[in-house]
Amino acid sequence: MRGPQTAGVMQADIEGRGGFLFNVNLVFLSQILIYGLAFGLRVVLARGLGDSGLGTYSLFFVAVLVAGGLANLGVGLGNIYFLNKGTYSYGVLLSGSLFVLVATSAVAGAFVLAWGLAYQPELFVTGRAFWLYAAALPAVVGYVLLTSFLHGSSRFVALSAVAIAQGCVGFGAVAVLEALGRLDIFWAIAAWAGSFAAADILALTLVRLREADLGALLPPRWEVLREQVRYGAQGQLANLAQLFNYRLDQFLVAAFVSRAGVGHYTVAVGLGESVWWISSAVAMVLLPRLTRMESEEAAEKTPLICRNTLLVSAVAALALMAVSPLAIRVLFGADFKPATLPLVLLMPGIVAGSATRVLGSYLFSQGRILYNTYATFIALGLTLALDFALIPRLEVEGAAIASSVAYTASLIATLYWYRRVSGGSIREALIFQRGDVRFYADVVQRLRRRWPA
């Protein structure tokens, strides 16, 4: 049977500072802090801005994420892939990324200026808050491009440090503004954009900027940049479609319900996605590791990691549903009580998405990133159809049902392509196996030897 054999091949990864479990634990603990800061930020914003204000803030930040996803051209994903395959030098890839960042900043500034002069300074936000798009977009693109070098090099301590710095600056700034009675939409957005700018500065000090090939900066090596875009754009299409899956319904809730409804849904989604802390940590560490492996080894390790990630995520989802009514009332206030039912309706899809993330890392590692794109567009089509059918009738609850169904459809499609590429069993990828008991026992024994009581 493959179960015990699969558990056996994991032993080398359990040991050592660079081991898989070490890095997963490092990233997971870091993400607890990172998402804890993001959660705290959401609580302060909810109490300081109210449900309508939180909805407006959310629309701005989703608009920037969508624009940033388009603007980075998938170069960040291309960096991760080519760094691990060793196709191009670190310096050439870094120079191409810096060129994209400079070009993006120039285009973003010109677009915001042209829009503001031709129309009015109004796009989800108005007045002086509108002009913050010109700073927020380059800051987000820079974050994606620069951290891709830390991720692609498996420098998870540095990667976590940058993310934690961003969270600390954002939460700290908003908390101070609230304490001073100065928190409004403009300052909330300024704090968010400033937190990414601060993280970019830290990332620049960590990515070994001195290794950049300045001769490949202006002009860049177009043949290499084309390859970065060619490969990365396939995955970036999936990322954008996934972002639409995750966030498009907020725009539709704003259109069909209200900005207060967006605020309620933002709280439900934010709490629900906390279950993804686990699978995000696993997928982040797994992606570069699987990319370096031979295909047979990658196919052998993936199902063990996937099914156990799915199991832990399901347990976490049940626990979250149990405490959510009290947690929402205490943390966010009585105005956000309507977020409780949408959170419960999101949970089946959230758990399914945990497995999708792990299997998506496997497909990425095998150069089949386009399959992730296919699966995501299937889910996006369902999201659109169900959103327009359900949100006008069921309001926020309709958005939650649509998202949950779409996330589940994405898993089903990903399983199909995972089976085609790996030849592995879908049952082994999803269902806890007897051999996993031995795996957990080995982990406990090794931890006891390393940290005796």
Protein backbone atom coordinates (compact mmCIF):
# COMPACT_ATOMS: atom_id res chain seq x y z
CA MET A 1 0.00 0.00 0.00
CA ARG A 2 1.21 3.52 -0.72
CA GLY A 3 0.20 5.02 2.63
CA PRO A 4 3.14 3.70 4.74
CA GLN A 5 5.56 4.26 1.87
CA THR A 6 4.42 7.84 1.51
CA ALA A 7 4.83 8.41 5.23
CA GLY A 8 8.32 6.97 4.97
CA VAL A 9 9.51 9.36 2.31
CA MET A 10 8.58 12.28 4.53
CA GLN A 11 11.14 11.46 7.21
CA ALA A 12 13.99 13.42 5.65
CA ASP A 13 11.78 16.50 5.55
CA ILE A 14 10.86 16.27 9.22
CA GLU A 15 14.44 16.72 10.35
CA GLY A 16 16.50 19.87 10.25
CA ARG A 17 16.12 23.57 10.12
CA GLY A 18 15.30 23.52 6.41
CA GLY A 19 12.84 20.64 6.69
CA PHE A 20 9.33 20.83 5.30
CA LEU A 21 7.58 20.64 8.66
CA PHE A 22 9.95 23.18 10.19
CA ASN A 23 9.18 25.65 7.42
CA VAL A 24 5.44 24.92 7.51
CA ASN A 25 5.41 25.56 11.26
CA LEU A 26 7.49 28.72 10.81
CA VAL A 27 5.19 30.07 8.11
CA PHE A 28 2.05 28.98 9.97
CA LEU A 29 3.12 30.69 13.19
CA SER A 30 4.09 33.76 11.20
CA GLN A 31 0.73 33.74 9.48
CA ILE A 32 -1.06 33.54 12.80
CA LEU A 33 0.66 36.81 13.65
CA ILE A 34 0.19 38.28 10.16
CA TYR A 35 -3.49 37.43 9.91
CA GLY A 36 -3.95 38.29 13.55
CA LEU A 37 -2.74 41.78 12.73
CA ALA A 38 -5.04 41.89 9.70
CA PHE A 39 -7.91 40.70 11.90
CA GLY A 40 -7.13 43.37 14.47
CA LEU A 41 -7.00 45.96 11.69
CA ARG A 42 -10.44 44.87 10.51
CA VAL A 43 -11.84 45.15 14.04
CA VAL A 44 -10.47 48.69 14.49
CA LEU A 45 -11.76 49.72 11.05
CA ALA A 46 -15.17 48.22 11.74
CA ARG A 47 -15.51 50.10 15.01
CA GLY A 48 -13.98 53.33 13.70
CA LEU A 49 -15.65 53.50 10.27
CA GLY A 50 -18.87 51.55 10.83
CA ASP A 51 -20.29 48.97 8.44
CA SER A 52 -20.70 51.40 5.51
CA GLY A 53 -17.20 52.84 5.99
CA LEU A 54 -15.67 49.38 6.17
CA GLY A 55 -17.50 48.53 2.96
CA THR A 56 -16.06 51.57 1.17
CA TYR A 57 -12.55 50.79 2.41
CA SER A 58 -12.92 47.20 1.22
CA LEU A 59 -13.98 48.28 -2.27
CA PHE A 60 -10.88 50.49 -2.60
CA PHE A 61 -8.49 47.82 -1.47
CA VAL A 62 -10.04 45.13 -3.70
CA ALA A 63 -9.83 47.51 -6.67
CA VAL A 64 -6.10 47.99 -5.99
CA LEU A 65 -5.54 44.25 -5.65
CA VAL A 66 -7.24 43.62 -9.00
CA ALA A 67 -5.28 46.39 -10.72
CA GLY A 68 -2.05 45.15 -9.12
CA GLY A 69 -2.75 41.63 -10.31
CA LEU A 70 -3.00 42.92 -13.87
CA ALA A 71 -0.03 45.26 -13.58
CA ASN A 72 2.56 42.75 -12.35
CA LEU A 73 1.98 40.62 -15.49
CA GLY A 74 2.60 37.38 -13.57
CA VAL A 75 6.31 38.18 -13.28
CA GLY A 76 6.30 37.25 -9.58
CA LEU A 77 5.12 33.71 -10.33
CA GLY A 78 7.64 33.46 -13.16
CA ASN A 79 10.39 34.40 -10.70
CA ILE A 80 9.46 31.61 -8.29
CA TYR A 81 9.40 29.03 -11.07
CA PHE A 82 12.63 30.01 -12.83
CA LEU A 83 14.57 30.52 -9.60
CA ASN A 84 13.88 26.91 -8.62
CA LYS A 85 14.45 25.52 -12.11
CA GLY A 86 17.72 27.48 -12.39
CA THR A 87 16.89 28.60 -15.93
CA TYR A 88 18.00 32.22 -15.51
CA SER A 89 20.30 33.97 -13.08
CA TYR A 90 18.99 35.68 -9.96
CA GLY A 91 20.36 39.04 -11.10
CA VAL A 92 18.69 39.00 -14.51
CA LEU A 93 15.32 37.99 -13.04
CA LEU A 94 15.61 40.71 -10.39
CA SER A 95 16.44 43.36 -12.96
CA GLY A 96 13.42 42.43 -15.07
CA SER A 97 11.21 42.69 -12.01
CA LEU A 98 12.57 46.13 -11.10
CA PHE A 99 11.89 47.30 -14.66
CA VAL A 100 8.27 46.12 -14.36
CA LEU A 101 7.94 47.93 -11.02
CA VAL A 102 9.25 51.23 -12.43
CA ALA A 103 7.03 50.95 -15.52
CA THR A 104 3.99 50.10 -13.40
CA SER A 105 4.55 53.11 -11.15
CA ALA A 106 4.73 55.45 -14.14
CA VAL A 107 1.64 54.02 -15.81
CA ALA A 108 -0.35 54.04 -12.54
CA GLY A 109 0.47 57.67 -11.88
CA ALA A 110 -0.45 58.70 -15.41
CA PHE A 111 -3.72 56.77 -15.34
CA VAL A 112 -4.86 58.19 -12.00
CA LEU A 113 -4.00 61.73 -13.13
CA ALA A 114 -5.82 61.30 -16.45
CA TRP A 115 -8.92 59.81 -14.77
CA GLY A 116 -9.04 62.55 -12.16
CA LEU A 117 -8.74 65.32 -14.76
CA ALA A 118 -11.03 63.81 -17.39
CA TYR A 119 -13.79 62.77 -15.05
CA GLN A 120 -13.77 63.45 -11.32
CA PRO A 121 -11.52 62.18 -8.53
CA GLU A 122 -14.04 59.44 -7.77
CA LEU A 123 -13.70 55.65 -8.07
CA PHE A 124 -15.24 53.86 -5.05
CA VAL A 125 -13.72 56.66 -2.98
CA THR A 126 -13.87 60.40 -3.60
CA GLY A 127 -11.80 63.54 -3.13
CA ARG A 128 -8.29 63.29 -1.79
CA ALA A 129 -8.70 59.57 -1.03
CA PHE A 130 -8.94 58.95 -4.79
CA TRP A 131 -5.38 60.18 -5.39
CA LEU A 132 -4.05 57.46 -3.07
CA TYR A 133 -4.50 54.99 -5.92
CA ALA A 134 -1.29 56.42 -7.43
CA ALA A 135 0.69 55.37 -4.34
CA ALA A 136 -1.18 52.20 -3.37
CA LEU A 137 -0.91 50.41 -6.72
CA PRO A 138 2.92 50.59 -7.12
CA ALA A 139 3.34 49.66 -3.43
CA VAL A 140 1.27 46.49 -3.88
CA VAL A 141 2.99 45.54 -7.15
CA GLY A 142 6.39 46.08 -5.54
CA TYR A 143 5.41 43.82 -2.65
CA VAL A 144 4.40 40.99 -5.00
CA LEU A 145 7.54 41.24 -7.14
CA LEU A 146 10.08 41.63 -4.34
CA THR A 147 8.70 38.94 -2.06
CA SER A 148 8.65 36.48 -4.96
CA PHE A 149 12.47 36.36 -4.67
CA LEU A 150 12.27 35.51 -0.98
CA HIS A 151 9.62 32.88 -1.69
CA GLY A 152 11.42 31.44 -4.70
CA SER A 153 14.65 31.17 -2.69
CA SER A 154 12.80 29.47 0.22
CA ARG A 155 13.85 32.31 2.54
CA PHE A 156 10.80 31.92 4.71
CA VAL A 157 12.18 33.80 7.71
CA ALA A 158 12.80 36.87 5.55
CA LEU A 159 9.46 36.45 3.76
CA SER A 160 7.64 36.28 7.08
CA ALA A 161 9.53 39.31 8.39
CA VAL A 162 8.37 41.43 5.44
CA ALA A 163 4.76 40.32 5.82
CA ILE A 164 4.81 40.91 9.58
CA ALA A 165 6.31 44.38 9.06
CA GLN A 166 3.49 45.25 6.66
CA GLY A 167 0.89 44.05 9.14
CA CYS A 168 2.46 45.87 12.09
CA VAL A 169 2.72 49.19 10.27
CA GLY A 170 -0.84 48.97 8.97
CA PHE A 171 -2.41 47.95 12.27
CA GLY A 172 -0.28 50.32 14.33
CA ALA A 173 -1.07 53.34 12.17
CA VAL A 174 -4.81 52.69 12.18
CA ALA A 175 -4.87 52.02 15.92
CA VAL A 176 -3.09 55.33 16.61
CA LEU A 177 -5.45 57.21 14.29
CA GLU A 178 -8.46 55.70 16.05
CA ALA A 179 -7.03 56.56 19.47
CA LEU A 180 -6.52 60.17 18.32
CA GLY A 181 -10.00 60.37 16.84
CA ARG A 182 -8.58 60.98 13.35
CA LEU A 183 -9.61 57.73 11.65
CA ASP A 184 -11.59 58.25 8.45
CA ILE A 185 -11.59 56.71 4.96
CA PHE A 186 -8.64 58.79 3.73
CA TRP A 187 -6.37 58.01 6.66
CA ALA A 188 -7.39 54.34 6.73
CA ILE A 189 -6.41 53.96 3.07
CA ALA A 190 -3.24 56.01 3.54
CA ALA A 191 -2.20 53.73 6.39
CA TRP A 192 -2.84 50.64 4.23
CA ALA A 193 -0.82 51.99 1.29
CA GLY A 194 1.95 53.17 3.63
CA SER A 195 2.22 49.73 5.22
CA PHE A 196 3.00 48.19 1.83
CA ALA A 197 5.51 50.93 1.03
CA ALA A 198 7.30 50.21 4.33
CA ALA A 199 7.30 46.48 3.56
CA ASP A 200 8.77 47.19 0.11
CA ILE A 201 11.66 49.10 1.68
CA LEU A 202 12.42 46.17 3.98
CA ALA A 203 12.12 43.70 1.10
CA LEU A 204 14.59 45.73 -0.96
CA THR A 205 17.18 45.30 1.80
CA LEU A 206 16.61 41.53 1.84
CA VAL A 207 16.51 40.55 -1.83
CA ARG A 208 20.25 41.02 -2.39
CA LEU A 209 19.75 44.09 -4.56
CA ARG A 210 23.49 44.27 -5.21
CA GLU A 211 23.14 41.12 -7.33
CA ALA A 212 20.82 42.86 -9.78
CA ASP A 213 22.25 42.97 -13.29
CA LEU A 214 22.06 46.70 -13.96
CA GLY A 215 22.87 46.08 -17.60
CA ALA A 216 19.59 44.16 -17.82
CA LEU A 217 17.54 46.94 -16.24
CA LEU A 218 17.33 49.66 -18.89
CA PRO A 219 16.57 48.19 -21.25
CA PRO A 220 15.68 44.80 -19.73
CA ARG A 221 16.63 41.53 -21.38
CA TRP A 222 13.43 41.25 -23.33
CA GLU A 223 13.81 37.56 -24.11
CA VAL A 224 14.05 36.72 -20.38
CA LEU A 225 11.26 39.12 -19.42
CA ARG A 226 9.06 37.56 -22.09
CA GLU A 227 9.64 34.14 -20.53
CA GLN A 228 8.89 35.51 -17.04
CA VAL A 229 5.64 36.92 -18.36
CA ARG A 230 4.85 33.92 -20.59
CA TYR A 231 4.99 31.41 -17.77
CA GLY A 232 3.81 33.66 -14.98
CA ALA A 233 0.86 35.08 -16.91
CA GLN A 234 -0.70 31.62 -17.09
CA GLY A 235 -0.78 31.46 -13.32
CA GLN A 236 -1.60 35.13 -12.95
CA LEU A 237 -4.77 34.59 -14.94
CA ALA A 238 -5.68 31.98 -12.33
CA ASN A 239 -4.77 34.38 -9.52
CA LEU A 240 -6.91 37.11 -11.00
CA ALA A 241 -9.82 34.76 -11.56
CA GLN A 242 -9.36 33.50 -8.01
CA LEU A 243 -9.33 37.08 -6.74
CA PHE A 244 -12.59 37.67 -8.59
CA ASN A 245 -13.94 34.48 -7.03
CA TYR A 246 -12.97 35.78 -3.60
CA ARG A 247 -13.87 39.45 -4.00
CA LEU A 248 -16.11 40.14 -7.01
CA ASP A 249 -19.19 39.46 -4.91
CA GLN A 250 -18.30 42.46 -2.74
CA PHE A 251 -18.89 44.76 -5.72
CA LEU A 252 -22.16 42.98 -6.48
CA VAL A 253 -23.27 43.22 -2.86
CA ALA A 254 -22.55 46.95 -3.07
CA ALA A 255 -24.65 47.17 -6.24
CA PHE A 256 -27.60 45.03 -5.14
CA VAL A 257 -27.61 45.43 -1.35
CA SER A 258 -25.63 48.27 0.28
CA ARG A 259 -22.18 49.28 1.45
CA ALA A 260 -23.22 48.18 4.93
CA GLY A 261 -23.86 44.75 3.38
CA VAL A 262 -20.32 44.84 1.99
CA GLY A 263 -19.10 45.52 5.53
CA HIS A 264 -21.02 42.52 6.90
CA TYR A 265 -19.76 40.27 4.11
CA THR A 266 -16.18 41.51 4.57
CA VAL A 267 -16.30 40.39 8.20
CA ALA A 268 -17.73 36.98 7.26
CA VAL A 269 -15.11 36.43 4.56
CA GLY A 270 -12.26 37.65 6.76
CA LEU A 271 -13.21 35.28 9.57
CA GLY A 272 -13.85 32.37 7.20
CA GLU A 273 -10.55 32.75 5.41
CA SER A 274 -8.72 32.38 8.73
CA VAL A 275 -9.13 28.64 8.14
CA TRP A 276 -6.84 29.11 5.14
CA TRP A 277 -3.96 30.09 7.41
CA ILE A 278 -3.15 26.38 7.57
CA SER A 279 -3.31 25.56 3.86
CA SER A 280 -1.61 28.85 2.92
CA ALA A 281 1.38 27.98 5.09
CA VAL A 282 1.55 24.47 3.65
CA ALA A 283 1.19 25.60 0.03
CA MET A 284 3.74 28.40 0.42
CA VAL A 285 6.43 26.03 1.68
CA LEU A 286 5.39 23.20 -0.63
CA LEU A 287 5.48 25.12 -3.92
CA PRO A 288 9.25 25.73 -4.28
CA ARG A 289 10.05 22.35 -2.70
CA LEU A 290 7.91 20.38 -5.15
CA THR A 291 9.28 22.42 -8.06
CA ARG A 292 12.81 21.23 -7.21
CA MET A 293 11.80 17.57 -6.85
CA GLU A 294 11.67 14.84 -9.44
CA SER A 295 8.13 14.20 -10.68
CA GLU A 296 7.83 10.81 -8.97
CA GLU A 297 8.80 12.15 -5.57
CA ALA A 298 6.47 15.13 -5.91
CA ALA A 299 3.56 12.85 -6.83
CA GLU A 300 4.28 10.65 -3.83
CA LYS A 301 4.42 13.43 -1.25
CA THR A 302 1.49 15.53 -2.41
CA PRO A 303 -1.45 13.26 -1.38
CA LEU A 304 -0.18 12.81 2.18
CA ILE A 305 0.20 16.55 2.63
CA CYS A 306 -3.12 17.33 0.94
CA ARG A 307 -5.36 14.99 2.91
CA ASN A 308 -3.88 15.94 6.26
CA THR A 309 -4.14 19.64 5.47
CA LEU A 310 -7.77 19.04 4.54
CA LEU A 311 -8.44 17.19 7.81
CA VAL A 312 -6.92 19.89 10.01
CA SER A 313 -8.76 22.61 8.05
CA ALA A 314 -12.11 20.85 8.52
CA VAL A 315 -11.57 20.65 12.28
CA ALA A 316 -10.63 24.34 12.37
CA ALA A 317 -13.77 25.24 10.37
CA LEU A 318 -16.04 23.42 12.84
CA ALA A 319 -14.40 25.21 15.76
CA LEU A 320 -14.78 28.60 14.05
CA MET A 321 -18.47 28.06 13.35
CA ALA A 322 -19.02 27.16 17.01
CA VAL A 323 -17.50 30.39 18.36
CA SER A 324 -18.44 32.81 15.56
CA PRO A 325 -21.74 34.20 16.96
CA LEU A 326 -20.07 35.31 20.18
CA ALA A 327 -16.84 36.38 18.46
CA ILE A 328 -18.59 38.62 15.93
CA ARG A 329 -20.76 40.31 18.54
CA VAL A 330 -17.91 40.90 20.99
CA LEU A 331 -15.21 41.94 18.52
CA PHE A 332 -17.08 43.83 15.82
CA GLY A 333 -20.20 44.98 17.60
CA ALA A 334 -23.93 44.38 17.26
CA ASP A 335 -24.06 46.08 13.83
CA PHE A 336 -22.14 43.13 12.37
CA LYS A 337 -24.38 40.35 13.73
CA PRO A 338 -25.74 39.73 10.17
CA ALA A 339 -22.27 38.36 9.26
CA THR A 340 -22.87 35.16 11.28
CA LEU A 341 -24.99 33.17 8.80
CA PRO A 342 -22.87 34.07 5.72
CA LEU A 343 -19.81 32.82 7.60
CA VAL A 344 -21.45 29.43 8.18
CA LEU A 345 -22.54 29.21 4.54
CA LEU A 346 -18.98 29.92 3.38
CA MET A 347 -17.41 27.11 5.40
CA PRO A 348 -17.89 24.11 3.03
CA GLY A 349 -16.21 26.04 0.22
CA ILE A 350 -13.47 27.33 2.50
CA VAL A 351 -12.57 23.77 3.53
CA ALA A 352 -12.61 22.62 -0.11
CA GLY A 353 -10.33 25.52 -1.01
CA SER A 354 -7.75 24.25 1.49
CA ALA A 355 -7.21 21.13 -0.59
CA THR A 356 -7.25 23.13 -3.84
CA ARG A 357 -4.31 25.21 -2.63
CA VAL A 358 -2.13 22.16 -1.97
CA LEU A 359 -3.00 20.42 -5.23
CA GLY A 360 -2.52 23.69 -7.11
CA SER A 361 1.05 23.84 -5.80
CA TYR A 362 1.66 20.38 -7.22
CA LEU A 363 0.33 21.34 -10.68
CA PHE A 364 2.47 24.50 -10.60
CA SER A 365 5.56 22.44 -9.79
CA GLN A 366 4.98 20.19 -12.80
CA GLY A 367 4.78 23.10 -15.20
CA ARG A 368 1.00 22.61 -15.55
CA ILE A 369 0.07 25.97 -14.10
CA LEU A 370 -2.49 26.43 -16.86
CA TYR A 371 -4.63 23.71 -15.29
CA ASN A 372 -4.96 25.88 -12.20
CA THR A 373 -6.19 28.63 -14.50
CA TYR A 374 -8.77 26.35 -16.09
CA ALA A 375 -10.10 25.26 -12.70
CA THR A 376 -10.29 28.81 -11.46
CA PHE A 377 -12.17 30.05 -14.53
CA ILE A 378 -14.70 27.25 -14.12
CA ALA A 379 -15.25 28.47 -10.57
CA LEU A 380 -15.41 32.09 -11.73
CA GLY A 381 -18.13 31.25 -14.23
CA LEU A 382 -20.15 29.64 -11.47
CA THR A 383 -19.50 32.59 -9.17
CA LEU A 384 -20.84 35.06 -11.72
CA ALA A 385 -23.91 33.01 -12.58
CA LEU A 386 -24.81 32.26 -8.97
CA ASP A 387 -24.04 35.79 -7.75
CA PHE A 388 -26.45 37.34 -10.22
CA ALA A 389 -29.04 34.69 -9.44
CA LEU A 390 -28.76 34.71 -5.65
CA ILE A 391 -27.57 38.11 -4.41
CA PRO A 392 -30.67 40.06 -5.58
CA ARG A 393 -32.88 37.49 -3.79
CA LEU A 394 -30.86 36.39 -0.76
CA GLU A 395 -28.52 39.38 -0.44
CA VAL A 396 -25.33 38.68 1.56
CA GLU A 397 -26.32 35.06 2.22
CA GLY A 398 -26.65 34.55 -1.55
CA ALA A 399 -23.08 35.78 -2.06
CA ALA A 400 -21.84 33.32 0.55
CA ILE A 401 -23.66 30.37 -1.06
CA ALA A 402 -22.33 31.30 -4.50
CA SER A 403 -18.75 31.49 -3.23
CA SER A 404 -19.00 28.20 -1.36
CA VAL A 405 -20.30 26.36 -4.44
CA ALA A 406 -17.62 27.96 -6.64
CA TYR A 407 -14.76 27.01 -4.28
CA THR A 408 -16.01 23.42 -4.26
CA ALA A 409 -16.23 23.36 -8.05
CA SER A 410 -12.63 24.60 -8.23
CA LEU A 411 -11.53 21.64 -6.08
CA ILE A 412 -13.39 19.16 -8.26
CA ALA A 413 -11.76 20.53 -11.42
CA THR A 414 -8.31 20.62 -9.77
CA LEU A 415 -8.72 17.00 -8.68
CA TYR A 416 -9.45 16.02 -12.28
CA TRP A 417 -6.22 17.55 -13.56
CA TYR A 418 -4.24 16.38 -10.55
CA ARG A 419 -5.31 12.81 -11.39
CA ARG A 420 -4.32 13.25 -15.04
CA VAL A 421 -0.87 14.66 -14.26
CA SER A 422 0.13 12.53 -11.25
CA GLY A 423 -1.77 9.31 -11.90
CA GLY A 424 -2.48 9.30 -8.16
CA SER A 425 -5.67 8.34 -6.40
CA ILE A 426 -8.22 11.05 -5.61
CA ARG A 427 -9.19 9.07 -2.51
CA GLU A 428 -5.60 9.16 -1.25
CA ALA A 429 -5.48 12.91 -1.82
CA LEU A 430 -8.61 13.58 0.25
CA ILE A 431 -9.27 10.77 2.75
CA PHE A 432 -7.26 10.12 5.91
CA GLN A 433 -5.29 6.85 5.61
CA ARG A 434 -4.15 4.33 8.20
CA GLY A 435 -0.55 5.03 7.32
CA ASP A 436 -1.03 8.62 8.46
CA VAL A 437 -1.24 7.42 12.06
CA ARG A 438 2.33 6.18 11.74
CA PHE A 439 3.33 9.52 10.24
CA TYR A 440 1.91 11.46 13.20
CA ALA A 441 3.52 9.03 15.65
CA ASP A 442 6.91 9.52 13.99
CA VAL A 443 6.51 13.29 14.16
CA VAL A 444 5.68 13.17 17.87
CA GLN A 445 8.63 10.86 18.61
CA ARG A 446 11.07 13.10 16.78
CA LEU A 447 9.76 16.18 18.54
CA ARG A 448 10.18 14.44 21.88
CA ARG A 449 13.78 13.54 21.08
CA ARG A 450 14.50 17.09 19.96
CA TRP A 451 12.75 18.80 22.89
CA PRO A 452 12.72 16.38 25.80
CA ALA A 453 10.51 17.27 28.76
